[in-house]
Structure formats: C-alpha cells, structure tokens
Amino acid sequence: AGHFRVSEAAVSKRLKRLRAYQLPESFDKLTLKQQK
C-alpha cells in the first residue's frame, strides 16, 4: 500500500477481487475438458 500510495484497505480489497476470479486449487487436478 505504501509503494502504491494507497490505503492498506484498498490493497486488501483489490486482492480479494483478484482471488475471486481465480479458479480454486482443486481445478489443477482436472483436464481442460473436465474444467469446462
């Protein structure tokens, strides 16, 4: 947050949004067709 000159809450909020769009780790065990 200090590096980007924003609040710590802004970094936390941005991180949560990014993680929400990531597939769960359990998807790593699946083939692409199984993921689809």
PDB file of all heavy atoms in Angstrom:
ATOM      1  N   ALA A   1       0.837  -1.203   0.000  1.00  0.00           N
ATOM      2  CA  ALA A   1       0.000   0.000   0.000  1.00  0.00           C
ATOM      3  C   ALA A   1       0.873   1.255   0.000  1.00  0.00           C
ATOM      4  O   ALA A   1       0.593   2.220  -0.724  1.00  0.00           O
ATOM      5  CB  ALA A   1      -0.927  -0.003   1.209  1.00  0.00           C
ATOM      6  N   GLY A   2       1.958   1.243   0.775  1.00  0.00           N
ATOM      7  CA  GLY A   2       2.874   2.377   0.814  1.00  0.00           C
ATOM      8  C   GLY A   2       3.539   2.604  -0.535  1.00  0.00           C
ATOM      9  O   GLY A   2       3.725   3.746  -0.961  1.00  0.00           O
ATOM     10  N   HIS A   3       3.894   1.508  -1.205  1.00  0.00           N
ATOM     11  CA  HIS A   3       4.530   1.607  -2.511  1.00  0.00           C
ATOM     12  C   HIS A   3       3.605   2.290  -3.529  1.00  0.00           C
ATOM     13  O   HIS A   3       4.042   3.131  -4.315  1.00  0.00           O
ATOM     14  CB  HIS A   3       4.940   0.220  -3.019  1.00  0.00           C
ATOM     15  CG  HIS A   3       5.466   0.209  -4.410  1.00  0.00           C
ATOM     16  ND1 HIS A   3       6.760   0.600  -4.718  1.00  0.00           N
ATOM     17  CD2 HIS A   3       4.878  -0.117  -5.591  1.00  0.00           C
ATOM     18  CE1 HIS A   3       6.934   0.511  -6.022  1.00  0.00           C
ATOM     19  NE2 HIS A   3       5.810   0.066  -6.574  1.00  0.00           N
ATOM     20  N   PHE A   4       2.333   1.907  -3.520  1.00  0.00           N
ATOM     21  CA  PHE A   4       1.375   2.468  -4.483  1.00  0.00           C
ATOM     22  C   PHE A   4       0.681   3.738  -3.982  1.00  0.00           C
ATOM     23  O   PHE A   4      -0.148   4.311  -4.684  1.00  0.00           O
ATOM     24  CB  PHE A   4       0.317   1.419  -4.857  1.00  0.00           C
ATOM     25  CG  PHE A   4       0.854   0.291  -5.704  1.00  0.00           C
ATOM     26  CD1 PHE A   4       0.990  -0.990  -5.183  1.00  0.00           C
ATOM     27  CD2 PHE A   4       1.227   0.520  -7.016  1.00  0.00           C
ATOM     28  CE1 PHE A   4       1.483  -2.025  -5.965  1.00  0.00           C
ATOM     29  CE2 PHE A   4       1.716  -0.514  -7.797  1.00  0.00           C
ATOM     30  CZ  PHE A   4       1.856  -1.790  -7.280  1.00  0.00           C
ATOM     31  N   ARG A   5       1.028   4.164  -2.765  1.00  0.00           N
ATOM     32  CA  ARG A   5       0.443   5.358  -2.134  1.00  0.00           C
ATOM     33  C   ARG A   5      -1.090   5.262  -2.055  1.00  0.00           C
ATOM     34  O   ARG A   5      -1.816   6.179  -2.444  1.00  0.00           O
ATOM     35  CB  ARG A   5       0.854   6.619  -2.883  1.00  0.00           C
ATOM     36  CG  ARG A   5       2.342   6.861  -2.839  1.00  0.00           C
ATOM     37  CD  ARG A   5       2.689   8.194  -3.482  1.00  0.00           C
ATOM     38  NE  ARG A   5       4.122   8.307  -3.597  1.00  0.00           N
ATOM     39  CZ  ARG A   5       4.757   8.619  -4.697  1.00  0.00           C
ATOM     40  NH1 ARG A   5       4.108   8.905  -5.791  1.00  0.00           N
ATOM     41  NH2 ARG A   5       6.065   8.695  -4.715  1.00  0.00           N
ATOM     42  N   VAL A   6      -1.537   4.080  -1.583  1.00  0.00           N
ATOM     43  CA  VAL A   6      -2.966   3.867  -1.336  1.00  0.00           C
ATOM     44  C   VAL A   6      -3.124   3.295   0.064  1.00  0.00           C
ATOM     45  O   VAL A   6      -2.138   2.962   0.728  1.00  0.00           O
ATOM     46  CB  VAL A   6      -3.592   2.893  -2.372  1.00  0.00           C
ATOM     47  CG1 VAL A   6      -3.547   3.473  -3.778  1.00  0.00           C
ATOM     48  CG2 VAL A   6      -2.914   1.536  -2.343  1.00  0.00           C
ATOM     49  N   SER A   7      -4.355   3.168   0.513  1.00  0.00           N
ATOM     50  CA  SER A   7      -4.587   2.608   1.846  1.00  0.00           C
ATOM     51  C   SER A   7      -4.392   1.089   1.822  1.00  0.00           C
ATOM     52  O   SER A   7      -4.483   0.443   0.767  1.00  0.00           O
ATOM     53  CB  SER A   7      -5.998   2.936   2.321  1.00  0.00           C
ATOM     54  OG  SER A   7      -6.941   2.245   1.542  1.00  0.00           O
ATOM     55  N   GLU A   8      -4.137   0.563   2.996  1.00  0.00           N
ATOM     56  CA  GLU A   8      -3.988  -0.888   3.123  1.00  0.00           C
ATOM     57  C   GLU A   8      -5.307  -1.581   2.757  1.00  0.00           C
ATOM     58  O   GLU A   8      -5.322  -2.661   2.176  1.00  0.00           O
ATOM     59  CB  GLU A   8      -3.579  -1.235   4.552  1.00  0.00           C
ATOM     60  CG  GLU A   8      -3.171  -2.667   4.743  1.00  0.00           C
ATOM     61  CD  GLU A   8      -2.669  -2.949   6.150  1.00  0.00           C
ATOM     62  OE1 GLU A   8      -2.355  -2.005   6.903  1.00  0.00           O
ATOM     63  OE2 GLU A   8      -2.597  -4.140   6.484  1.00  0.00           O
ATOM     64  N   ALA A   9      -6.436  -0.932   3.070  1.00  0.00           N
ATOM     65  CA  ALA A   9      -7.758  -1.481   2.746  1.00  0.00           C
ATOM     66  C   ALA A   9      -7.943  -1.594   1.227  1.00  0.00           C
ATOM     67  O   ALA A   9      -8.553  -2.551   0.737  1.00  0.00           O
ATOM     68  CB  ALA A   9      -8.853  -0.611   3.349  1.00  0.00           C
ATOM     69  N   ALA A  10      -7.395  -0.633   0.475  1.00  0.00           N
ATOM     70  CA  ALA A  10      -7.510  -0.668  -0.982  1.00  0.00           C
ATOM     71  C   ALA A  10      -6.754  -1.868  -1.550  1.00  0.00           C
ATOM     72  O   ALA A  10      -7.234  -2.531  -2.474  1.00  0.00           O
ATOM     73  CB  ALA A  10      -6.988   0.629  -1.592  1.00  0.00           C
ATOM     74  N   VAL A  11      -5.582  -2.157  -0.989  1.00  0.00           N
ATOM     75  CA  VAL A  11      -4.801  -3.317  -1.431  1.00  0.00           C
ATOM     76  C   VAL A  11      -5.549  -4.606  -1.091  1.00  0.00           C
ATOM     77  O   VAL A  11      -5.670  -5.512  -1.915  1.00  0.00           O
ATOM     78  CB  VAL A  11      -3.391  -3.321  -0.788  1.00  0.00           C
ATOM     79  CG1 VAL A  11      -2.672  -4.640  -1.061  1.00  0.00           C
ATOM     80  CG2 VAL A  11      -2.569  -2.150  -1.300  1.00  0.00           C
ATOM     81  N   SER A  12      -6.079  -4.660   0.110  1.00  0.00           N
ATOM     82  CA  SER A  12      -6.822  -5.842   0.550  1.00  0.00           C
ATOM     83  C   SER A  12      -8.050  -6.091  -0.322  1.00  0.00           C
ATOM     84  O   SER A  12      -8.320  -7.214  -0.750  1.00  0.00           O
ATOM     85  CB  SER A  12      -7.237  -5.673   2.010  1.00  0.00           C
ATOM     86  OG  SER A  12      -7.986  -6.778   2.436  1.00  0.00           O
ATOM     87  N   LYS A  13      -8.774  -5.021  -0.627  1.00  0.00           N
ATOM     88  CA  LYS A  13      -9.972  -5.117  -1.459  1.00  0.00           C
ATOM     89  C   LYS A  13      -9.614  -5.589  -2.870  1.00  0.00           C
ATOM     90  O   LYS A  13     -10.283  -6.453  -3.442  1.00  0.00           O
ATOM     91  CB  LYS A  13     -10.663  -3.753  -1.505  1.00  0.00           C
ATOM     92  CG  LYS A  13     -12.027  -3.758  -2.106  1.00  0.00           C
ATOM     93  CD  LYS A  13     -12.646  -2.374  -1.958  1.00  0.00           C
ATOM     94  CE  LYS A  13     -14.047  -2.333  -2.497  1.00  0.00           C
ATOM     95  NZ  LYS A  13     -14.665  -1.011  -2.366  1.00  0.00           N
ATOM     96  N   ARG A  14      -8.534  -5.025  -3.413  1.00  0.00           N
ATOM     97  CA  ARG A  14      -8.109  -5.405  -4.763  1.00  0.00           C
ATOM     98  C   ARG A  14      -7.672  -6.869  -4.800  1.00  0.00           C
ATOM     99  O   ARG A  14      -7.969  -7.601  -5.739  1.00  0.00           O
ATOM    100  CB  ARG A  14      -6.956  -4.498  -5.225  1.00  0.00           C
ATOM    101  CG  ARG A  14      -6.551  -4.722  -6.640  1.00  0.00           C
ATOM    102  CD  ARG A  14      -7.639  -4.263  -7.587  1.00  0.00           C
ATOM    103  NE  ARG A  14      -7.388  -4.765  -8.913  1.00  0.00           N
ATOM    104  CZ  ARG A  14      -8.327  -5.126  -9.759  1.00  0.00           C
ATOM    105  NH1 ARG A  14      -9.590  -4.995  -9.448  1.00  0.00           N
ATOM    106  NH2 ARG A  14      -8.019  -5.589 -10.936  1.00  0.00           N
ATOM    107  N   LEU A  15      -6.995  -7.308  -3.769  1.00  0.00           N
ATOM    108  CA  LEU A  15      -6.529  -8.682  -3.681  1.00  0.00           C
ATOM    109  C   LEU A  15      -7.709  -9.658  -3.610  1.00  0.00           C
ATOM    110  O   LEU A  15      -7.708 -10.701  -4.266  1.00  0.00           O
ATOM    111  CB  LEU A  15      -5.623  -8.844  -2.450  1.00  0.00           C
ATOM    112  CG  LEU A  15      -4.858 -10.146  -2.311  1.00  0.00           C
ATOM    113  CD1 LEU A  15      -3.979 -10.397  -3.524  1.00  0.00           C
ATOM    114  CD2 LEU A  15      -4.024 -10.140  -1.051  1.00  0.00           C
ATOM    115  N   LYS A  16      -8.740  -9.306  -2.849  1.00  0.00           N
ATOM    116  CA  LYS A  16      -9.938 -10.152  -2.760  1.00  0.00           C
ATOM    117  C   LYS A  16     -10.624 -10.269  -4.109  1.00  0.00           C
ATOM    118  O   LYS A  16     -11.087 -11.343  -4.496  1.00  0.00           O
ATOM    119  CB  LYS A  16     -10.919  -9.586  -1.731  1.00  0.00           C
ATOM    120  CG  LYS A  16     -10.543  -9.877  -0.306  1.00  0.00           C
ATOM    121  CD  LYS A  16     -11.583  -9.335   0.646  1.00  0.00           C
ATOM    122  CE  LYS A  16     -11.142  -9.529   2.084  1.00  0.00           C
ATOM    123  NZ  LYS A  16     -12.106  -8.948   3.037  1.00  0.00           N
ATOM    124  N   ARG A  17     -10.699  -9.156  -4.843  1.00  0.00           N
ATOM    125  CA  ARG A  17     -11.334  -9.197  -6.168  1.00  0.00           C
ATOM    126  C   ARG A  17     -10.549 -10.084  -7.126  1.00  0.00           C
ATOM    127  O   ARG A  17     -11.128 -10.830  -7.910  1.00  0.00           O
ATOM    128  CB  ARG A  17     -11.452  -7.791  -6.749  1.00  0.00           C
ATOM    129  CG  ARG A  17     -12.584  -7.022  -6.165  1.00  0.00           C
ATOM    130  CD  ARG A  17     -12.812  -5.740  -6.923  1.00  0.00           C
ATOM    131  NE  ARG A  17     -13.903  -4.994  -6.322  1.00  0.00           N
ATOM    132  CZ  ARG A  17     -14.050  -3.698  -6.410  1.00  0.00           C
ATOM    133  NH1 ARG A  17     -13.172  -2.979  -7.084  1.00  0.00           N
ATOM    134  NH2 ARG A  17     -15.062  -3.102  -5.833  1.00  0.00           N
ATOM    135  N   LEU A  18      -9.238 -10.001  -7.082  1.00  0.00           N
ATOM    136  CA  LEU A  18      -8.419 -10.834  -7.959  1.00  0.00           C
ATOM    137  C   LEU A  18      -8.573 -12.314  -7.618  1.00  0.00           C
ATOM    138  O   LEU A  18      -8.669 -13.154  -8.513  1.00  0.00           O
ATOM    139  CB  LEU A  18      -6.945 -10.429  -7.860  1.00  0.00           C
ATOM    140  CG  LEU A  18      -6.562  -9.100  -8.502  1.00  0.00           C
ATOM    141  CD1 LEU A  18      -5.108  -8.769  -8.207  1.00  0.00           C
ATOM    142  CD2 LEU A  18      -6.797  -9.152 -10.006  1.00  0.00           C
ATOM    143  N   ARG A  19      -8.601 -12.621  -6.351  1.00  0.00           N
ATOM    144  CA  ARG A  19      -8.740 -14.024  -5.924  1.00  0.00           C
ATOM    145  C   ARG A  19     -10.120 -14.577  -6.265  1.00  0.00           C
ATOM    146  O   ARG A  19     -10.277 -15.769  -6.498  1.00  0.00           O
ATOM    147  CB  ARG A  19      -8.464 -14.158  -4.431  1.00  0.00           C
ATOM    148  CG  ARG A  19      -6.991 -14.016  -4.116  1.00  0.00           C
ATOM    149  CD  ARG A  19      -6.693 -14.238  -2.668  1.00  0.00           C
ATOM    150  NE  ARG A  19      -5.272 -14.129  -2.419  1.00  0.00           N
ATOM    151  CZ  ARG A  19      -4.739 -13.782  -1.272  1.00  0.00           C
ATOM    152  NH1 ARG A  19      -5.517 -13.523  -0.236  1.00  0.00           N
ATOM    153  NH2 ARG A  19      -3.438 -13.702  -1.142  1.00  0.00           N
ATOM    154  N   ALA A  20     -11.118 -13.725  -6.292  1.00  0.00           N
ATOM    155  CA  ALA A  20     -12.479 -14.178  -6.614  1.00  0.00           C
ATOM    156  C   ALA A  20     -12.570 -14.682  -8.047  1.00  0.00           C
ATOM    157  O   ALA A  20     -13.401 -15.529  -8.360  1.00  0.00           O
ATOM    158  CB  ALA A  20     -13.474 -13.045  -6.394  1.00  0.00           C
ATOM    159  N   TYR A  21     -11.711 -14.176  -8.936  1.00  0.00           N
ATOM    160  CA  TYR A  21     -11.743 -14.591 -10.331  1.00  0.00           C
ATOM    161  C   TYR A  21     -10.809 -15.753 -10.633  1.00  0.00           C
ATOM    162  O   TYR A  21     -10.779 -16.246 -11.751  1.00  0.00           O
ATOM    163  CB  TYR A  21     -11.430 -13.408 -11.255  1.00  0.00           C
ATOM    164  CG  TYR A  21     -12.520 -12.368 -11.221  1.00  0.00           C
ATOM    165  CD1 TYR A  21     -12.316 -11.147 -10.588  1.00  0.00           C
ATOM    166  CD2 TYR A  21     -13.750 -12.614 -11.803  1.00  0.00           C
ATOM    167  CE1 TYR A  21     -13.326 -10.192 -10.542  1.00  0.00           C
ATOM    168  CE2 TYR A  21     -14.765 -11.669 -11.758  1.00  0.00           C
ATOM    169  CZ  TYR A  21     -14.544 -10.469 -11.132  1.00  0.00           C
ATOM    170  OH  TYR A  21     -15.538  -9.537 -11.083  1.00  0.00           O
ATOM    171  N   GLN A  22     -10.059 -16.197  -9.649  1.00  0.00           N
ATOM    172  CA  GLN A  22      -9.176 -17.333  -9.854  1.00  0.00           C
ATOM    173  C   GLN A  22      -9.946 -18.624  -9.622  1.00  0.00           C
ATOM    174  O   GLN A  22     -10.830 -18.690  -8.762  1.00  0.00           O
ATOM    175  CB  GLN A  22      -7.988 -17.288  -8.883  1.00  0.00           C
ATOM    176  CG  GLN A  22      -7.000 -16.193  -9.172  1.00  0.00           C
ATOM    177  CD  GLN A  22      -5.866 -16.187  -8.160  1.00  0.00           C
ATOM    178  OE1 GLN A  22      -6.020 -16.646  -7.035  1.00  0.00           O
ATOM    179  NE2 GLN A  22      -4.737 -15.659  -8.565  1.00  0.00           N
ATOM    180  N   LEU A  23      -9.611 -19.643 -10.388  1.00  0.00           N
ATOM    181  CA  LEU A  23     -10.227 -20.941 -10.182  1.00  0.00           C
ATOM    182  C   LEU A  23      -9.653 -21.567  -8.915  1.00  0.00           C
ATOM    183  O   LEU A  23      -8.483 -21.359  -8.588  1.00  0.00           O
ATOM    184  CB  LEU A  23      -9.967 -21.853 -11.379  1.00  0.00           C
ATOM    185  CG  LEU A  23     -10.643 -21.444 -12.683  1.00  0.00           C
ATOM    186  CD1 LEU A  23     -10.197 -22.360 -13.813  1.00  0.00           C
ATOM    187  CD2 LEU A  23     -12.149 -21.468 -12.542  1.00  0.00           C
ATOM    188  N   PRO A  24     -10.461 -22.334  -8.195  1.00  0.00           N
ATOM    189  CA  PRO A  24      -9.955 -22.991  -6.979  1.00  0.00           C
ATOM    190  C   PRO A  24      -8.798 -23.936  -7.304  1.00  0.00           C
ATOM    191  O   PRO A  24      -8.658 -24.408  -8.431  1.00  0.00           O
ATOM    192  CB  PRO A  24     -11.171 -23.786  -6.477  1.00  0.00           C
ATOM    193  CG  PRO A  24     -12.354 -23.220  -7.172  1.00  0.00           C
ATOM    194  CD  PRO A  24     -11.858 -22.620  -8.448  1.00  0.00           C
ATOM    195  N   GLU A  25      -7.974 -24.224  -6.305  1.00  0.00           N
ATOM    196  CA  GLU A  25      -6.809 -25.097  -6.495  1.00  0.00           C
ATOM    197  C   GLU A  25      -7.216 -26.494  -6.933  1.00  0.00           C
ATOM    198  O   GLU A  25      -6.457 -27.183  -7.605  1.00  0.00           O
ATOM    199  CB  GLU A  25      -5.998 -25.181  -5.200  1.00  0.00           C
ATOM    200  CG  GLU A  25      -5.237 -23.919  -4.878  1.00  0.00           C
ATOM    201  CD  GLU A  25      -4.425 -24.044  -3.594  1.00  0.00           C
ATOM    202  OE1 GLU A  25      -4.109 -25.184  -3.188  1.00  0.00           O
ATOM    203  OE2 GLU A  25      -4.119 -23.005  -3.003  1.00  0.00           O
ATOM    204  N   SER A  26      -8.418 -26.912  -6.557  1.00  0.00           N
ATOM    205  CA  SER A  26      -8.882 -28.251  -6.935  1.00  0.00           C
ATOM    206  C   SER A  26      -8.992 -28.411  -8.457  1.00  0.00           C
ATOM    207  O   SER A  26      -8.970 -29.525  -8.974  1.00  0.00           O
ATOM    208  CB  SER A  26     -10.226 -28.560  -6.277  1.00  0.00           C
ATOM    209  OG  SER A  26     -11.171 -27.558  -6.575  1.00  0.00           O
ATOM    210  N   PHE A  27      -9.059 -27.303  -9.197  1.00  0.00           N
ATOM    211  CA  PHE A  27      -9.134 -27.354 -10.655  1.00  0.00           C
ATOM    212  C   PHE A  27      -7.804 -27.782 -11.268  1.00  0.00           C
ATOM    213  O   PHE A  27      -7.761 -28.218 -12.409  1.00  0.00           O
ATOM    214  CB  PHE A  27      -9.559 -25.996 -11.221  1.00  0.00           C
ATOM    215  CG  PHE A  27     -11.039 -25.856 -11.389  1.00  0.00           C
ATOM    216  CD1 PHE A  27     -11.874 -25.804 -10.289  1.00  0.00           C
ATOM    217  CD2 PHE A  27     -11.607 -25.786 -12.643  1.00  0.00           C
ATOM    218  CE1 PHE A  27     -13.228 -25.691 -10.430  1.00  0.00           C
ATOM    219  CE2 PHE A  27     -12.971 -25.662 -12.800  1.00  0.00           C
ATOM    220  CZ  PHE A  27     -13.786 -25.620 -11.690  1.00  0.00           C
ATOM    221  N   ASP A  28      -6.707 -27.670 -10.510  1.00  0.00           N
ATOM    222  CA  ASP A  28      -5.392 -28.048 -11.033  1.00  0.00           C
ATOM    223  C   ASP A  28      -5.313 -29.543 -11.337  1.00  0.00           C
ATOM    224  O   ASP A  28      -4.526 -29.965 -12.176  1.00  0.00           O
ATOM    225  CB  ASP A  28      -4.285 -27.664 -10.048  1.00  0.00           C
ATOM    226  CG  ASP A  28      -4.168 -26.161  -9.881  1.00  0.00           C
ATOM    227  OD1 ASP A  28      -4.683 -25.421 -10.748  1.00  0.00           O
ATOM    228  OD2 ASP A  28      -3.579 -25.721  -8.869  1.00  0.00           O
ATOM    229  N   LYS A  29      -6.124 -30.356 -10.652  1.00  0.00           N
ATOM    230  CA  LYS A  29      -6.103 -31.806 -10.859  1.00  0.00           C
ATOM    231  C   LYS A  29      -6.893 -32.238 -12.091  1.00  0.00           C
ATOM    232  O   LYS A  29      -6.811 -33.380 -12.505  1.00  0.00           O
ATOM    233  CB  LYS A  29      -6.704 -32.518  -9.635  1.00  0.00           C
ATOM    234  CG  LYS A  29      -5.909 -32.354  -8.376  1.00  0.00           C
ATOM    235  CD  LYS A  29      -6.577 -33.102  -7.244  1.00  0.00           C
ATOM    236  CE  LYS A  29      -5.807 -32.938  -5.956  1.00  0.00           C
ATOM    237  NZ  LYS A  29      -6.467 -33.640  -4.852  1.00  0.00           N
ATOM    238  N   LEU A  30      -7.681 -31.331 -12.663  1.00  0.00           N
ATOM    239  CA  LEU A  30      -8.570 -31.678 -13.764  1.00  0.00           C
ATOM    240  C   LEU A  30      -7.949 -31.381 -15.125  1.00  0.00           C
ATOM    241  O   LEU A  30      -7.131 -30.481 -15.256  1.00  0.00           O
ATOM    242  CB  LEU A  30      -9.884 -30.892 -13.643  1.00  0.00           C
ATOM    243  CG  LEU A  30     -10.656 -31.003 -12.333  1.00  0.00           C
ATOM    244  CD1 LEU A  30     -11.919 -30.160 -12.400  1.00  0.00           C
ATOM    245  CD2 LEU A  30     -10.989 -32.438 -12.009  1.00  0.00           C
ATOM    246  N   THR A  31      -8.407 -32.128 -16.127  1.00  0.00           N
ATOM    247  CA  THR A  31      -8.021 -31.820 -17.504  1.00  0.00           C
ATOM    248  C   THR A  31      -8.807 -30.584 -17.937  1.00  0.00           C
ATOM    249  O   THR A  31      -9.748 -30.164 -17.264  1.00  0.00           O
ATOM    250  CB  THR A  31      -8.367 -32.992 -18.448  1.00  0.00           C
ATOM    251  OG1 THR A  31      -9.794 -33.141 -18.492  1.00  0.00           O
ATOM    252  CG2 THR A  31      -7.715 -34.288 -18.000  1.00  0.00           C
ATOM    253  N   LEU A  32      -8.449 -30.013 -19.073  1.00  0.00           N
ATOM    254  CA  LEU A  32      -9.160 -28.829 -19.560  1.00  0.00           C
ATOM    255  C   LEU A  32     -10.634 -29.125 -19.831  1.00  0.00           C
ATOM    256  O   LEU A  32     -11.506 -28.311 -19.530  1.00  0.00           O
ATOM    257  CB  LEU A  32      -8.492 -28.289 -20.826  1.00  0.00           C
ATOM    258  CG  LEU A  32      -7.126 -27.637 -20.618  1.00  0.00           C
ATOM    259  CD1 LEU A  32      -6.519 -27.236 -21.959  1.00  0.00           C
ATOM    260  CD2 LEU A  32      -7.236 -26.425 -19.717  1.00  0.00           C
ATOM    261  N   LYS A  33     -10.927 -30.304 -20.367  1.00  0.00           N
ATOM    262  CA  LYS A  33     -12.319 -30.666 -20.639  1.00  0.00           C
ATOM    263  C   LYS A  33     -13.094 -30.870 -19.345  1.00  0.00           C
ATOM    264  O   LYS A  33     -14.253 -30.487 -19.250  1.00  0.00           O
ATOM    265  CB  LYS A  33     -12.381 -31.916 -21.523  1.00  0.00           C
ATOM    266  CG  LYS A  33     -11.926 -31.635 -22.945  1.00  0.00           C
ATOM    267  CD  LYS A  33     -12.091 -32.827 -23.838  1.00  0.00           C
ATOM    268  CE  LYS A  33     -11.676 -32.457 -25.257  1.00  0.00           C
ATOM    269  NZ  LYS A  33     -11.995 -33.496 -26.214  1.00  0.00           N
ATOM    270  N   GLN A  34     -12.451 -31.465 -18.346  1.00  0.00           N
ATOM    271  CA  GLN A  34     -13.108 -31.629 -17.047  1.00  0.00           C
ATOM    272  C   GLN A  34     -13.367 -30.267 -16.404  1.00  0.00           C
ATOM    273  O   GLN A  34     -14.403 -30.058 -15.782  1.00  0.00           O
ATOM    274  CB  GLN A  34     -12.262 -32.496 -16.112  1.00  0.00           C
ATOM    275  CG  GLN A  34     -12.250 -33.958 -16.469  1.00  0.00           C
ATOM    276  CD  GLN A  34     -11.289 -34.757 -15.617  1.00  0.00           C
ATOM    277  OE1 GLN A  34     -10.209 -34.281 -15.237  1.00  0.00           O
ATOM    278  NE2 GLN A  34     -11.662 -35.985 -15.301  1.00  0.00           N
ATOM    279  N   GLN A  35     -12.420 -29.341 -16.555  1.00  0.00           N
ATOM    280  CA  GLN A  35     -12.618 -27.991 -16.025  1.00  0.00           C
ATOM    281  C   GLN A  35     -13.808 -27.323 -16.699  1.00  0.00           C
ATOM    282  O   GLN A  35     -14.632 -26.697 -16.037  1.00  0.00           O
ATOM    283  CB  GLN A  35     -11.360 -27.146 -16.233  1.00  0.00           C
ATOM    284  CG  GLN A  35     -10.200 -27.521 -15.349  1.00  0.00           C
ATOM    285  CD  GLN A  35      -8.962 -26.688 -15.628  1.00  0.00           C
ATOM    286  OE1 GLN A  35      -8.953 -25.801 -16.486  1.00  0.00           O
ATOM    287  NE2 GLN A  35      -7.895 -26.964 -14.893  1.00  0.00           N
ATOM    288  N   LYS A  36     -13.896 -27.466 -18.006  1.00  0.00           N
ATOM    289  CA  LYS A  36     -15.008 -26.868 -18.752  1.00  0.00           C
ATOM    290  C   LYS A  36     -16.337 -27.480 -18.301  1.00  0.00           C
ATOM    291  O   LYS A  36     -17.329 -26.775 -18.133  1.00  0.00           O
ATOM    292  CB  LYS A  36     -14.798 -27.090 -20.254  1.00  0.00           C
ATOM    293  CG  LYS A  36     -15.738 -26.311 -21.136  1.00  0.00           C
ATOM    294  CD  LYS A  36     -15.353 -26.441 -22.596  1.00  0.00           C
ATOM    295  CE  LYS A  36     -16.289 -25.640 -23.473  1.00  0.00           C
ATOM    296  NZ  LYS A  36     -15.946 -25.763 -24.892  1.00  0.00           N
TER     297      LYS A  36
END
